[in-house]
C-alpha atoms as a PDB file:
ATOM      1  CA  MET A   1    -168.433  64.781-110.153  1.00  0.00           C
ATOM      2  CA  ALA A   2    -171.462  64.753-107.750  1.00  0.00           C
ATOM      3  CA  GLN A   3    -171.666  62.268-104.860  1.00  0.00           C
ATOM      4  CA  ASP A   4    -174.517  61.085-102.950  1.00  0.00           C
ATOM      5  CA  PHE A   5    -173.857  61.719 -99.027  1.00  0.00           C
ATOM      6  CA  ARG A   6    -175.890  59.480 -96.748  1.00  0.00           C
ATOM      7  CA  ASN A   7    -175.902  58.660 -93.091  1.00  0.00           C
ATOM      8  CA  VAL A   8    -177.536  55.940 -90.755  1.00  0.00           C
ATOM      9  CA  VAL A   9    -178.118  55.938 -87.227  1.00  0.00           C
ATOM     10  CA  ALA A  10    -178.998  53.473 -84.538  1.00  0.00           C
ATOM     11  CA  ARG A  11    -180.004  54.217 -81.045  1.00  0.00           C
ATOM     12  CA  ALA A  12    -179.503  52.428 -77.488  1.00  0.00           C
ATOM     13  CA  GLN A  13    -178.061  49.335 -79.312  1.00  0.00           C
ATOM     14  CA  GLY A  14    -176.865  46.555 -77.194  1.00  0.00           C
ATOM     15  CA  THR A  15    -175.804  42.706 -76.700  1.00  0.00           C
ATOM     16  CA  THR A  16    -177.287  41.529 -80.064  1.00  0.00           C
ATOM     17  CA  ALA A  17    -175.101  41.868 -82.735  1.00  0.00           C
ATOM     18  CA  ALA A  18    -176.918  44.084 -85.921  1.00  0.00           C
ATOM     19  CA  ALA A  19    -176.246  44.900 -89.276  1.00  0.00           C
ATOM     20  CA  ILE A  20    -175.933  48.642 -89.892  1.00  0.00           C
ATOM     21  CA  LEU A  21    -175.054  49.217 -93.449  1.00  0.00           C
ATOM     22  CA  THR A  22    -175.033  46.647 -96.497  1.00  0.00           C
ATOM     23  CA  GLY A  23    -172.801  47.656 -99.169  1.00  0.00           C
ATOM     24  CA  GLY A  24    -174.123  48.578-102.645  1.00  0.00           C
ATOM     25  CA  ASN A  25    -171.950  49.089-105.583  1.00  0.00           C
ATOM     26  CA  TYR A  26    -168.619  50.592-104.246  1.00  0.00           C
ATOM     27  CA  ASP A  27    -170.010  52.620-101.206  1.00  0.00           C
ATOM     28  CA  ALA A  28    -167.410  54.558 -99.228  1.00  0.00           C
ATOM     29  CA  VAL A  29    -167.472  54.722 -95.400  1.00  0.00           C
ATOM     30  CA  ILE A  30    -166.270  58.046 -94.276  1.00  0.00           C
ATOM     31  CA  GLY A  31    -167.265  58.136 -90.656  1.00  0.00           C
ATOM     32  CA  ILE A  32    -168.303  55.816 -87.875  1.00  0.00           C
ATOM     33  CA  ARG A  33    -169.043  57.407 -84.474  1.00  0.00           C
ATOM     34  CA  CYS A  34    -169.653  55.232 -81.312  1.00  0.00           C
ATOM     35  CA  THR A  35    -171.090  56.902 -78.337  1.00  0.00           C
ATOM     36  CA  ASN A  36    -171.641  55.271 -74.950  1.00  0.00           C
ATOM     37  CA  ILE A  37    -175.087  56.650 -73.448  1.00  0.00           C
ATOM     38  CA  LEU A  38    -174.820  54.920 -69.928  1.00  0.00           C
ATOM     39  CA  THR A  39    -172.929  55.577 -66.705  1.00  0.00           C
ATOM     40  CA  THR A  40    -170.508  52.532 -67.182  1.00  0.00           C
ATOM     41  CA  THR A  41    -167.824  51.306 -69.692  1.00  0.00           C
ATOM     42  CA  ILE A  42    -168.916  49.469 -72.425  1.00  0.00           C
ATOM     43  CA  LYS A  43    -167.170  47.536 -74.814  1.00  0.00           C
ATOM     44  CA  VAL A  44    -168.119  47.650 -78.767  1.00  0.00           C
ATOM     45  CA  ASP A  45    -167.077  45.533 -82.017  1.00  0.00           C
ATOM     46  CA  ILE A  46    -167.543  47.077 -85.426  1.00  0.00           C
ATOM     47  CA  TYR A  47    -166.747  44.806 -88.096  1.00  0.00           C
ATOM     48  CA  MET A  48    -167.361  44.285 -91.960  1.00  0.00           C
ATOM     49  CA  VAL A  49    -168.505  40.735 -93.088  1.00  0.00           C
ATOM     50  CA  ARG A  50    -167.666  39.500 -96.689  1.00  0.00           C
ATOM     51  CA  SER A  51    -168.268  36.336 -97.851  1.00  0.00           C
ATOM     52  CA  SER A  52    -169.127  35.166 -94.345  1.00  0.00           C
ATOM     53  CA  ALA A  53    -165.787  35.950 -92.877  1.00  0.00           C
ATOM     54  CA  ASN A  54    -165.738  38.800 -90.222  1.00  0.00           C
ATOM     55  CA  TYR A  55    -162.960  41.723 -90.553  1.00  0.00           C
ATOM     56  CA  TYR A  56    -162.729  43.793 -87.462  1.00  0.00           C
ATOM     57  CA  ILE A  57    -162.542  47.704 -87.379  1.00  0.00           C
ATOM     58  CA  VAL A  58    -162.338  47.335 -83.854  1.00  0.00           C
ATOM     59  CA  LYS A  59    -163.014  44.709 -81.374  1.00  0.00           C
ATOM     60  CA  ASP A  60    -163.586  44.640 -77.582  1.00  0.00           C
ATOM     61  CA  THR A  61    -162.826  48.634 -77.623  1.00  0.00           C
ATOM     62  CA  PRO A  62    -163.696  50.304 -74.188  1.00  0.00           C
ATOM     63  CA  ILE A  63    -165.728  53.551 -74.241  1.00  0.00           C
ATOM     64  CA  PRO A  64    -165.874  55.327 -71.105  1.00  0.00           C
ATOM     65  CA  PRO A  65    -169.408  56.708 -69.422  1.00  0.00           C
ATOM     66  CA  GLY A  66    -170.591  59.432 -71.827  1.00  0.00           C
ATOM     67  CA  GLY A  67    -167.473  59.112 -74.118  1.00  0.00           C
ATOM     68  CA  SER A  68    -167.191  58.746 -77.680  1.00  0.00           C
ATOM     69  CA  ILE A  69    -164.841  57.289 -80.504  1.00  0.00           C
ATOM     70  CA  GLU A  70    -164.454  58.137 -84.154  1.00  0.00           C
ATOM     71  CA  LEU A  71    -163.295  55.126 -86.105  1.00  0.00           C
ATOM     72  CA  ILE A  72    -162.690  57.045 -89.637  1.00  0.00           C
ATOM     73  CA  GLN A  73    -160.881  60.431 -89.393  1.00  0.00           C
ATOM     74  CA  GLY A  74    -158.557  62.404 -91.244  1.00  0.00           C
ATOM     75  CA  GLY A  75    -159.684  61.648 -95.006  1.00  0.00           C
ATOM     76  CA  SER A  76    -159.668  57.983 -94.226  1.00  0.00           C
ATOM     77  CA  LYS A  77    -162.443  55.739 -95.913  1.00  0.00           C
ATOM     78  CA  ILE A  78    -163.665  52.091 -96.000  1.00  0.00           C
ATOM     79  CA  VAL A  79    -164.715  51.200 -99.648  1.00  0.00           C
ATOM     80  CA  MET A  80    -167.532  48.645 -99.393  1.00  0.00           C
ATOM     81  CA  VAL A  81    -168.484  46.598-102.221  1.00  0.00           C
ATOM     82  CA  SER A  82    -171.720  45.006-103.273  1.00  0.00           C
ATOM     83  CA  GLY A  83    -172.818  42.273-100.397  1.00  0.00           C
ATOM     84  CA  ASP A  84    -170.427  43.587 -97.561  1.00  0.00           C
ATOM     85  CA  VAL A  85    -172.340  44.377 -94.410  1.00  0.00           C
ATOM     86  CA  LEU A  86    -171.193  46.595 -91.531  1.00  0.00           C
ATOM     87  CA  TRP A  87    -171.902  45.082 -88.495  1.00  0.00           C
ATOM     88  CA  HIS A  88    -171.743  46.383 -84.623  1.00  0.00           C
ATOM     89  CA  ASP A  89    -172.478  45.355 -81.262  1.00  0.00           C
ATOM     90  CA  CYS A  90    -171.956  45.999 -77.651  1.00  0.00           C
ATOM     91  CA  ASP A  91    -171.417  44.118 -74.214  1.00  0.00           C
ATOM     92  CA  THR A  92    -174.059  46.053 -72.606  1.00  0.00           C
ATOM     93  CA  ALA A  93    -177.881  46.410 -73.077  1.00  0.00           C
ATOM     94  CA  SER A  94    -178.920  49.700 -74.592  1.00  0.00           C
ATOM     95  CA  GLY A  95    -175.237  51.175 -74.221  1.00  0.00           C
ATOM     96  CA  LEU A  96    -174.785  52.300 -77.680  1.00  0.00           C
ATOM     97  CA  ASP A  97    -175.404  54.720 -80.381  1.00  0.00           C
ATOM     98  CA  ILE A  98    -174.059  54.519 -83.698  1.00  0.00           C
ATOM     99  CA  TRP A  99    -173.622  57.084 -86.610  1.00  0.00           C
ATOM    100  CA  VAL A 100    -172.290  55.994 -89.855  1.00  0.00           C
ATOM    101  CA  SER A 101    -171.711  58.502 -92.425  1.00  0.00           C
ATOM    102  CA  TYR A 102    -171.183  57.236 -96.259  1.00  0.00           C
ATOM    103  CA  ILE A 103    -171.090  58.173 -99.827  1.00  0.00           C
ATOM    104  CA  ASP A 104    -173.404  56.429-101.858  1.00  0.00           C
ATOM    105  CA  THR A 105    -172.006  54.551-105.062  1.00  0.00           C
ATOM    106  CA  ILE A 106    -169.011  56.544-105.660  1.00  0.00           C
ATOM    107  CA  SER A 107    -169.062  58.236-109.234  1.00  0.00           C
ATOM    108  CA  GLU A 108    -166.342  56.925-111.702  1.00  0.00           C
END
């Protein structure tokens, strides 16, 4: 049962919400790391949009200067169905680097 591991990254993200990953046919997000690249604390939102509704993974979560948070760990995962979109934003311009690891189309 082979799996197709992928990642997507975004550098120096800021105050405009942006989509980082759109779900296909049962993708599994297996890692989300958010890093503050500034010298001041930032706050981040990471959320999934499904049928025009926002489902927050974290909301207004502070990250100290130079710090990071790992949102999925210990074997956890978030399954995305076709049409789900993973979004991120930050309260400070150019303050956030984000790395998302996922399995593309979980095999049956």
